Protein backbone atom coordinates (compact mmCIF):
# COMPACT_ATOMS: atom_id res chain seq x y z
CA UNK A 1 72.05 -17.47 -40.20
CA UNK A 2 69.24 -16.24 -42.45
CA UNK A 3 66.92 -13.57 -41.06
CA UNK A 4 63.63 -12.24 -42.40
CA UNK A 5 62.84 -8.86 -40.81
CA UNK A 6 59.22 -7.75 -41.11
CA UNK A 7 59.08 -3.99 -40.73
CA UNK A 8 61.92 -1.75 -41.89
CA UNK A 9 61.44 0.96 -39.30
CA UNK A 10 64.15 2.14 -36.94
CA UNK A 11 64.32 -1.07 -34.90
CA UNK A 12 64.19 -3.41 -37.90
CA UNK A 13 66.90 -1.48 -39.75
CA UNK A 14 69.06 -1.32 -36.61
CA UNK A 15 68.96 -5.06 -36.00
CA UNK A 16 69.33 -5.76 -39.71
CA UNK A 17 72.43 -3.58 -40.03
CA UNK A 18 74.25 -5.17 -37.10
CA UNK A 19 73.38 -8.69 -38.25
CA UNK A 20 74.57 -7.89 -41.77
CA UNK A 21 77.85 -6.51 -40.45
CA UNK A 22 78.28 -9.75 -38.48
CA UNK A 23 78.06 -11.76 -41.71
CA UNK A 24 74.45 -12.97 -41.66
CA UNK A 25 71.89 -12.94 -44.49
CA UNK A 26 69.04 -10.45 -44.08
CA UNK A 27 65.87 -9.76 -46.05
CA UNK A 28 63.73 -6.75 -45.17
CA UNK A 29 59.98 -6.83 -45.75
CA UNK A 30 58.60 -3.32 -46.07
CA UNK A 31 55.12 -1.83 -45.96
CA UNK A 32 55.53 0.06 -49.25
CA UNK A 33 57.09 -0.66 -52.63
CA UNK A 34 58.72 2.78 -52.44
CA UNK A 35 60.79 1.93 -49.36
CA UNK A 36 61.78 -1.47 -50.76
CA UNK A 37 62.94 0.18 -54.01
CA UNK A 38 64.97 2.84 -52.18
CA UNK A 39 66.66 0.29 -49.93
CA UNK A 40 67.61 -1.97 -52.84
CA UNK A 41 68.96 0.98 -54.85
CA UNK A 42 70.89 2.99 -52.26
CA UNK A 43 71.17 0.95 -49.06
CA UNK A 44 71.28 2.98 -45.86
CA UNK A 45 73.57 4.32 -43.15
CA UNK A 46 73.77 3.14 -39.54
CA UNK A 47 74.94 5.80 -37.12
CA UNK A 48 76.15 4.18 -33.90
CA UNK A 49 75.65 5.75 -30.48
CA UNK A 50 79.31 6.87 -30.50
CA UNK A 51 78.75 8.79 -33.74
CA UNK A 52 80.54 6.33 -36.04
CA UNK A 53 78.92 5.77 -39.44
CA UNK A 54 78.51 2.46 -41.26
CA UNK A 55 77.31 2.26 -44.85
CA UNK A 56 75.02 -0.74 -45.35
CA UNK A 57 75.47 -1.51 -49.02
CA UNK A 58 72.36 -2.46 -50.98
CA UNK A 59 74.21 -5.45 -52.43
CA UNK A 60 74.45 -7.02 -48.95
CA UNK A 61 70.73 -7.59 -48.43
CA UNK A 62 67.35 -8.01 -50.09
CA UNK A 63 64.25 -5.86 -49.62
CA UNK A 64 60.72 -6.60 -50.81
CA UNK A 65 57.25 -5.21 -50.26
CA UNK A 66 55.58 -7.46 -47.71
CA UNK A 67 52.84 -8.81 -49.98
CA UNK A 68 55.49 -10.37 -52.23
CA UNK A 69 56.26 -12.81 -49.42
CA UNK A 70 53.33 -15.02 -50.41
CA UNK A 71 54.98 -15.93 -53.73
CA UNK A 72 58.61 -15.62 -52.61
CA UNK A 73 58.41 -17.08 -49.12
CA UNK A 74 57.45 -20.63 -50.08
CA UNK A 75 60.77 -21.07 -51.86
CA UNK A 76 62.89 -19.77 -48.98
CA UNK A 77 64.58 -21.48 -46.08
CA UNK A 78 65.39 -19.21 -43.17
CA UNK A 79 66.35 -19.45 -39.52
CA UNK A 80 64.43 -16.57 -37.97
CA UNK A 81 61.56 -14.23 -38.69
CA UNK A 82 61.85 -10.99 -36.69
CA UNK A 83 58.55 -9.11 -36.42
CA UNK A 84 59.43 -5.47 -35.75
CA UNK A 85 56.38 -3.83 -37.28
CA UNK A 86 53.93 -1.81 -35.20
CA UNK A 87 51.32 -3.70 -33.23
CA UNK A 88 48.46 -2.12 -35.17
CA UNK A 89 49.73 -3.64 -38.45
CA UNK A 90 49.46 -7.22 -37.21
CA UNK A 91 46.16 -8.23 -38.79
CA UNK A 92 44.84 -11.35 -40.50
CA UNK A 93 46.46 -10.51 -43.83
CA UNK A 94 49.90 -9.94 -42.32
CA UNK A 95 49.61 -13.08 -40.19
CA UNK A 96 48.95 -15.16 -43.31
CA UNK A 97 51.99 -13.59 -44.95
CA UNK A 98 54.14 -14.30 -41.90
CA UNK A 99 52.99 -17.91 -42.04
CA UNK A 100 54.27 -18.20 -45.61
CA UNK A 101 57.79 -17.20 -44.51
CA UNK A 102 58.11 -20.09 -42.08
CA UNK A 103 59.93 -23.26 -42.99
CA UNK A 104 60.22 -26.32 -40.79
CA UNK A 105 63.12 -24.92 -38.77
CA UNK A 106 62.14 -21.23 -38.68
CA UNK A 107 61.92 -19.43 -35.34
CA UNK A 108 59.76 -16.38 -34.63
CA UNK A 109 60.78 -13.38 -32.51
CA UNK A 110 58.38 -10.52 -31.69
CA UNK A 111 59.45 -7.01 -30.68
CA UNK A 112 56.06 -5.32 -30.19
CA UNK A 113 54.96 -3.03 -27.40
CA UNK A 114 51.59 -3.79 -25.86
CA UNK A 115 49.71 -7.06 -25.70
CA UNK A 116 47.55 -9.32 -27.83
CA UNK A 117 49.78 -10.04 -30.82
CA UNK A 118 51.25 -13.27 -29.48
CA UNK A 119 47.82 -14.87 -29.16
CA UNK A 120 47.20 -14.05 -32.81
CA UNK A 121 50.52 -15.56 -33.86
CA UNK A 122 49.90 -18.73 -31.88
CA UNK A 123 46.61 -19.14 -33.74
CA UNK A 124 48.29 -18.90 -37.15
CA UNK A 125 51.54 -20.66 -36.30
CA UNK A 126 50.07 -23.68 -34.55
CA UNK A 127 52.54 -25.96 -32.82
CA UNK A 128 55.40 -23.46 -33.03
CA UNK A 129 57.27 -21.78 -30.24
CA UNK A 130 56.97 -18.00 -30.28
CA UNK A 131 59.80 -16.02 -28.76
CA UNK A 132 59.28 -12.51 -27.43
CA UNK A 133 61.97 -9.85 -27.09
CA UNK A 134 61.85 -7.15 -24.45
CA UNK A 135 64.47 -4.65 -25.52
CA UNK A 136 65.77 -1.29 -24.40
CA UNK A 137 67.56 -0.82 -27.72
CA UNK A 138 66.48 2.45 -29.29
CA UNK A 139 66.72 3.74 -32.82
CA UNK A 140 65.57 6.73 -34.81
CA UNK A 141 65.05 6.61 -38.55
CA UNK A 142 65.98 9.71 -40.51
CA UNK A 143 64.14 9.51 -43.81
CA UNK A 144 64.80 6.28 -45.69
CA UNK A 145 68.58 6.51 -45.77
CA UNK A 146 69.75 6.63 -42.13
CA UNK A 147 69.03 4.99 -38.78
CA UNK A 148 70.56 6.28 -35.55
CA UNK A 149 71.21 4.00 -32.59
CA UNK A 150 70.35 6.06 -29.53
CA UNK A 151 72.29 3.87 -27.11
CA UNK A 152 73.35 0.32 -26.37
CA UNK A 153 70.46 -1.43 -24.64
CA UNK A 154 69.59 -4.86 -23.29
CA UNK A 155 67.49 -7.46 -25.11
CA UNK A 156 65.80 -10.20 -23.08
CA UNK A 157 64.32 -13.16 -24.96
CA UNK A 158 61.99 -15.93 -23.86
CA UNK A 159 59.57 -18.48 -25.25
CA UNK A 160 55.88 -17.70 -25.10
CA UNK A 161 53.65 -20.78 -25.21
CA UNK A 162 50.58 -19.34 -23.57
CA UNK A 163 49.64 -15.88 -22.35
CA UNK A 164 48.49 -16.42 -18.78
CA UNK A 165 50.40 -14.37 -16.17
CA UNK A 166 49.45 -16.93 -13.51
CA UNK A 167 50.62 -19.95 -15.51
CA UNK A 168 53.30 -22.39 -14.43
CA UNK A 169 56.63 -21.62 -16.11
CA UNK A 170 57.88 -25.22 -16.30
CA UNK A 171 56.97 -25.69 -19.96
CA UNK A 172 58.59 -22.40 -20.94
CA UNK A 173 61.75 -23.33 -19.04
CA UNK A 174 61.80 -26.72 -20.73
CA UNK A 175 61.43 -25.04 -24.12
CA UNK A 176 64.32 -22.66 -23.53
CA UNK A 177 66.78 -24.97 -21.87
CA UNK A 178 65.88 -28.15 -23.75
CA UNK A 179 66.43 -26.56 -27.17
CA UNK A 180 69.59 -24.78 -28.25
CA UNK A 181 67.69 -22.45 -30.61
CA UNK A 182 67.27 -19.71 -28.03
CA UNK A 183 70.88 -20.02 -26.87
CA UNK A 184 72.08 -19.85 -30.45
CA UNK A 185 70.05 -16.70 -31.14
CA UNK A 186 71.26 -14.97 -27.98
CA UNK A 187 74.87 -15.76 -28.88
CA UNK A 188 74.33 -14.50 -32.43
CA UNK A 189 72.84 -11.23 -31.22
CA UNK A 190 75.58 -10.78 -28.64
CA UNK A 191 78.32 -11.25 -31.23
CA UNK A 192 76.51 -8.80 -33.53
CA UNK A 193 76.66 -6.14 -30.81
CA UNK A 194 73.35 -6.54 -28.96
CA UNK A 195 73.72 -7.55 -25.29
CA UNK A 196 71.14 -10.36 -25.13
CA UNK A 197 69.88 -12.75 -22.47
CA UNK A 198 67.50 -15.69 -22.15
CA UNK A 199 64.72 -15.49 -19.58
CA UNK A 200 62.84 -18.42 -18.09
CA UNK A 201 60.08 -16.01 -17.01
CA UNK A 202 59.56 -13.72 -19.98
CA UNK A 203 56.01 -12.89 -18.84
CA UNK A 204 57.47 -11.01 -15.89
CA UNK A 205 59.59 -8.91 -18.25
CA UNK A 206 56.67 -8.34 -20.63
CA UNK A 207 54.26 -7.18 -17.92
CA UNK A 208 56.94 -4.99 -16.36
CA UNK A 209 57.47 -3.25 -19.69
CA UNK A 210 53.72 -2.96 -20.29
CA UNK A 211 53.20 -1.07 -17.05
CA UNK A 212 56.14 1.27 -17.64
CA UNK A 213 54.89 2.00 -21.16
CA UNK A 214 51.34 2.55 -19.88
CA UNK A 215 52.62 5.23 -17.51
CA UNK A 216 55.31 6.97 -19.54
CA UNK A 217 54.07 6.80 -23.14
CA UNK A 218 50.61 8.44 -22.94
CA UNK A 219 51.74 11.24 -20.64
CA UNK A 220 54.70 12.19 -22.84
CA UNK A 221 52.41 12.02 -25.88
CA UNK A 222 49.75 14.25 -24.31
CA UNK A 223 52.20 16.84 -22.98
CA UNK A 224 54.57 16.64 -26.00
CA UNK A 225 57.64 16.22 -23.80
CA UNK A 226 60.64 13.85 -23.65
CA UNK A 227 60.67 11.24 -20.90
CA UNK A 228 62.79 13.15 -18.40
CA UNK A 229 60.42 16.12 -18.24
CA UNK A 230 57.71 13.95 -16.66
CA UNK A 231 59.47 14.52 -13.33
CA UNK A 232 59.83 18.30 -13.59
CA UNK A 233 56.57 19.45 -11.93
CA UNK A 234 54.47 18.27 -9.00
CA UNK A 235 51.39 17.96 -11.22
CA UNK A 236 53.18 15.62 -13.59
CA UNK A 237 54.66 13.54 -10.77
CA UNK A 238 51.24 13.20 -9.12
CA UNK A 239 49.65 11.83 -12.28
CA UNK A 240 52.65 9.56 -12.81
CA UNK A 241 52.14 8.23 -9.27
CA UNK A 242 48.39 7.74 -9.82
CA UNK A 243 48.94 5.66 -12.96
CA UNK A 244 51.52 3.54 -11.12
CA UNK A 245 49.12 2.90 -8.23
CA UNK A 246 46.26 1.94 -10.56
CA UNK A 247 48.50 -0.38 -12.55
CA UNK A 248 49.77 -2.05 -9.36
CA UNK A 249 46.18 -2.64 -8.20
CA UNK A 250 45.29 -4.26 -11.54
CA UNK A 251 48.35 -6.50 -11.44
CA UNK A 252 47.67 -7.53 -7.85
CA UNK A 253 44.06 -8.46 -8.70
CA UNK A 254 45.30 -10.57 -11.62
CA UNK A 255 48.07 -12.31 -9.68
CA UNK A 256 50.87 -10.60 -11.61
CA UNK A 257 54.05 -9.79 -9.71
CA UNK A 258 55.36 -6.22 -9.76
CA UNK A 259 58.00 -4.14 -8.03
CA UNK A 260 56.54 -2.62 -4.81
CA UNK A 261 58.69 0.46 -5.48
CA UNK A 262 56.98 0.90 -8.85
CA UNK A 263 56.90 4.69 -8.85
CA UNK A 264 60.62 4.85 -8.07
CA UNK A 265 61.29 2.30 -10.82
CA UNK A 266 59.35 4.33 -13.39
CA UNK A 267 61.04 7.52 -12.21
CA UNK A 268 64.44 5.91 -12.76
CA UNK A 269 63.40 4.94 -16.29
CA UNK A 270 62.44 8.58 -16.91
CA UNK A 271 65.82 9.78 -15.64
CA UNK A 272 67.87 7.19 -17.53
CA UNK A 273 66.03 7.95 -20.80
CA UNK A 274 65.60 11.65 -20.11
CA UNK A 275 66.19 12.84 -23.66
CA UNK A 276 64.21 10.08 -25.38
CA UNK A 277 60.99 10.65 -27.29
CA UNK A 278 58.57 7.81 -26.53
CA UNK A 279 57.19 5.75 -29.40
CA UNK A 280 53.67 7.01 -28.66
CA UNK A 281 54.77 10.64 -28.76
CA UNK A 282 56.57 9.96 -32.03
CA UNK A 283 53.38 8.48 -33.49
CA UNK A 284 51.38 11.53 -32.37
CA UNK A 285 53.94 13.91 -33.87
CA UNK A 286 53.82 11.97 -37.13
CA UNK A 287 50.02 12.04 -37.16
CA UNK A 288 49.67 8.24 -37.26
CA UNK A 289 47.62 5.91 -35.01
CA UNK A 290 49.24 4.98 -31.71
CA UNK A 291 49.43 1.67 -29.84
CA UNK A 292 47.42 3.00 -26.87
CA UNK A 293 44.68 0.36 -27.37
CA UNK A 294 47.26 -2.39 -26.85
CA UNK A 295 48.87 -0.69 -23.83
CA UNK A 296 46.50 1.40 -21.69
CA UNK A 297 43.42 -0.13 -23.31
CA UNK A 298 44.69 -3.62 -22.52
CA UNK A 299 45.43 -2.59 -18.93
CA UNK A 300 41.95 -1.07 -18.46
CA UNK A 301 40.32 -4.25 -19.78
CA UNK A 302 42.45 -6.34 -17.41
CA UNK A 303 41.16 -4.19 -14.57
CA UNK A 304 37.54 -4.50 -15.64
CA UNK A 305 37.78 -8.29 -15.84
CA UNK A 306 39.06 -8.33 -12.25
CA UNK A 307 36.62 -5.71 -10.94
CA UNK A 308 39.28 -3.01 -10.54
CA UNK A 309 38.67 0.51 -11.87
CA UNK A 310 41.50 2.55 -13.37
CA UNK A 311 40.14 6.06 -14.01
CA UNK A 312 43.55 7.54 -14.77
CA UNK A 313 44.40 4.93 -17.40
CA UNK A 314 40.86 5.15 -18.78
CA UNK A 315 41.27 8.93 -19.12
CA UNK A 316 44.63 8.90 -20.90
CA UNK A 317 43.42 6.05 -23.15
CA UNK A 318 40.47 8.12 -24.33
CA UNK A 319 42.49 11.34 -24.58
CA UNK A 320 45.08 9.70 -26.85
CA UNK A 321 42.34 8.09 -28.95
CA UNK A 322 40.73 11.50 -29.34
CA UNK A 323 43.83 13.21 -30.71
CA UNK A 324 43.76 14.14 -34.41
CA UNK A 325 45.71 11.63 -36.50
CA UNK A 326 45.75 13.35 -39.86
CA UNK A 327 48.05 16.32 -39.36
CA UNK A 328 51.73 16.26 -38.52
CA UNK A 329 52.64 18.29 -35.45
CA UNK A 330 55.90 20.14 -34.87
CA UNK A 331 57.83 20.10 -31.61
């Protein structure tokens, strides 16, 4: 298969490396010319979770700065476009570029946290099926030359045709099980080393992940702690519980199903990823904008539209937005 990976961060490089090692063709589309040049000159190293190292030779793949896709993309035929870039980078310009990479048989798979990007894609890619991935795969990029896989996760994939949590799933089920494209992708990822599954109710997975991210990410970012330390003090646990309760109330008002034992579920995520640094904390440490608008901001707006207040989520949303974004912070 031929894959176009938009965003050569940790996740994009991780998926690209494993697909390359499985014999597939991969092109990376980077934000800067500098990264594209470095990748094409020196390649990079994948460090697996067991410590084994794999050199990804530059001759095995292509890398281009994303704006080159407009002139290059129209001459390409590919099977999949993986969008692994940050949510905040998905704007009108990037959407037009993504459109240029799509041939008649090209599928689209999104890996973003937060909400709102799929609606944008559906506007630009009219008539196409958009797949979303909910993954627990984790990676950490060390400079431009190495990506570390933090552990073997699970990737759940499903077709998104409309973004209504109350909507009937029959069309989505028909899309998945009436077309072998999703099955083929899942098999390809599985063979490449990513445990992958098809879901007939991907919205449930998406909203579950949104709520977990809305609880864990801002608190770890504000307190500068790894996930597991959220459970260490009563004060932290109380705020964790408050955000869970507010999120559950918002979901209930919007007709979205959730686990009644939500706090216990989030606590288990904290324990199982105890040493992990959340993506929002990583953004804060790097001094770059976070995705809080698409996570807690989205949740607060959902609450407002249903007449449900969420003072805890409103507070952490504004606190994260108020953090300085120009200076790198050490931890």
